[in-house]
Protein backbone atom coordinates (compact mmCIF):
# COMPACT_ATOMS: atom_id res chain seq x y z
CA MET A 1 90.25 101.08 89.06
CA LEU A 2 93.51 99.34 88.36
CA PRO A 3 93.43 95.97 86.57
CA VAL A 4 93.87 92.98 88.90
CA GLN A 5 97.34 92.11 87.56
CA ASN A 6 98.53 95.62 88.52
CA ARG A 7 97.40 95.54 92.16
CA LEU A 8 99.87 94.88 94.97
CA LYS A 9 97.91 93.13 97.71
CA ASN A 10 99.87 90.11 98.94
CA LYS A 11 101.20 90.62 102.49
CA ASP A 12 104.45 88.77 101.78
CA ASP A 13 105.12 90.93 98.71
CA LEU A 14 104.45 94.09 100.73
CA LYS A 15 106.78 92.94 103.52
CA ARG A 16 109.53 92.18 101.00
CA LEU A 17 109.01 95.57 99.34
CA PHE A 18 109.23 97.45 102.64
CA ARG A 19 112.29 95.46 103.71
CA GLU A 20 114.28 95.61 100.45
CA GLY A 21 112.82 98.51 98.46
CA LYS A 22 114.25 101.92 97.68
CA ILE A 23 112.54 105.16 98.72
CA ARG A 24 111.94 108.40 96.83
CA SER A 25 109.78 111.26 98.09
CA ASN A 26 108.68 114.82 97.54
CA ASN A 27 106.61 117.14 99.69
CA VAL A 28 103.31 115.38 98.83
CA LEU A 29 104.03 111.69 98.20
CA THR A 30 106.47 108.93 99.11
CA ILE A 31 107.11 105.87 96.97
CA LYS A 32 108.84 102.64 97.85
CA PHE A 33 109.82 100.52 94.86
CA LYS A 34 111.68 97.35 93.99
CA PHE A 35 112.40 95.65 90.70
CA ARG A 36 111.21 92.06 90.96
CA GLY A 37 111.77 90.81 87.42
CA ALA A 38 109.42 89.69 84.68
CA GLY A 39 105.73 90.41 84.79
CA SER A 40 103.50 93.42 85.05
CA THR A 41 104.11 96.28 87.44
CA ARG A 42 102.09 96.07 90.65
CA VAL A 43 101.14 99.13 92.67
CA GLY A 44 99.79 99.54 96.22
CA PHE A 45 98.51 102.68 97.93
CA GLY A 46 98.34 103.93 101.49
CA ALA A 47 97.08 106.82 103.57
CA SER A 48 97.63 106.47 107.30
CA VAL A 49 95.45 107.55 110.19
CA LYS A 50 98.09 110.19 110.92
CA PHE A 51 97.04 111.89 107.69
CA SER A 52 93.36 111.98 108.68
CA LYS A 53 91.28 110.21 111.25
CA ARG A 54 88.37 110.21 108.80
CA ALA A 55 88.26 107.13 106.60
CA THR A 56 86.39 109.05 103.90
CA GLN A 57 89.30 111.47 103.47
CA ARG A 58 91.87 108.66 103.40
CA ASN A 59 89.80 106.73 100.85
CA LYS A 60 89.43 109.81 98.65
CA ILE A 61 93.20 110.35 98.60
CA ARG A 62 93.81 106.67 97.79
CA ARG A 63 91.28 106.88 94.93
CA TRP A 64 93.10 109.93 93.55
CA MET A 65 96.47 108.16 93.77
CA ARG A 66 95.04 105.04 92.13
CA GLU A 67 93.53 107.05 89.26
CA SER A 68 96.74 109.03 88.71
CA VAL A 69 98.69 105.76 88.33
CA ARG A 70 96.01 104.21 86.11
CA LEU A 71 96.33 107.12 83.67
CA ILE A 72 100.11 106.61 83.25
CA LEU A 73 100.24 102.82 83.67
CA ASP A 74 101.35 102.26 80.07
CA GLU A 75 104.35 104.61 80.65
CA ILE A 76 105.66 102.63 83.67
CA LYS A 77 108.40 100.04 83.12
CA PRO A 78 107.18 96.46 83.67
CA GLY A 79 108.36 94.27 86.54
CA TYR A 80 108.27 96.72 89.45
CA ASP A 81 106.49 96.57 92.80
CA ILE A 82 105.57 100.08 93.92
CA PHE A 83 103.89 101.39 97.06
CA ILE A 84 102.70 105.02 97.08
CA SER A 85 101.71 106.82 100.27
CA ILE A 86 100.69 110.35 101.15
CA ASN A 87 102.91 112.61 103.25
CA THR A 88 101.13 113.10 106.58
CA ARG A 89 102.57 116.59 107.04
CA PHE A 90 101.23 118.03 103.79
CA PRO A 91 98.15 120.24 104.43
CA LYS A 92 94.93 118.46 103.49
CA LYS A 93 93.34 121.69 102.28
CA LEU A 94 95.90 122.07 99.49
CA LEU A 95 95.46 118.56 98.05
CA ASN A 96 93.62 117.98 94.81
CA PHE A 97 93.68 115.40 92.03
CA THR A 98 95.79 117.52 89.66
CA LEU A 99 98.51 118.02 92.27
CA ILE A 100 98.64 114.30 93.11
CA LYS A 101 98.75 113.39 89.42
CA GLU A 102 101.70 115.65 88.63
CA LYS A 103 103.60 114.73 91.83
CA THR A 104 103.11 111.00 91.12
CA LYS A 105 104.51 111.37 87.63
CA SER A 106 107.47 113.44 88.82
CA LEU A 107 108.28 110.91 91.57
CA LEU A 108 108.18 107.98 89.15
CA ARG A 109 110.44 109.93 86.79
CA LYS A 110 112.80 110.70 89.70
CA ALA A 111 112.97 106.98 90.50
CA SER A 112 113.66 106.14 86.79
CA ILE A 113 110.56 103.97 86.59
CA LEU A 114 108.90 105.77 83.66
CA LEU A 115 109.77 104.63 80.15
CA ASN A 116 110.37 108.13 78.72
């Protein structure tokens, strides 16, 4: 579980992120990010009903995304708002935690959000 200061939950912050943020994506994930200034990086996660009608599958994917970010949280530059969502067209059968972890890291690197 992510620490409270690293969770993006406020509706106004999410609206601002979706309105003003930049997008990067690969075949598995899409991220929307915006630099907001000082403070810790906040991250939100999403899996739409288009991905799966079963809430248990959507929750499992969100847990995997959350854990993959938690493991690299110290490598992420501070002051960003980030929203990570799953690509609805990617086959569910091929998804696993390892794939999500490596795709998350590569996307954050592509967006120049990682420190190294």
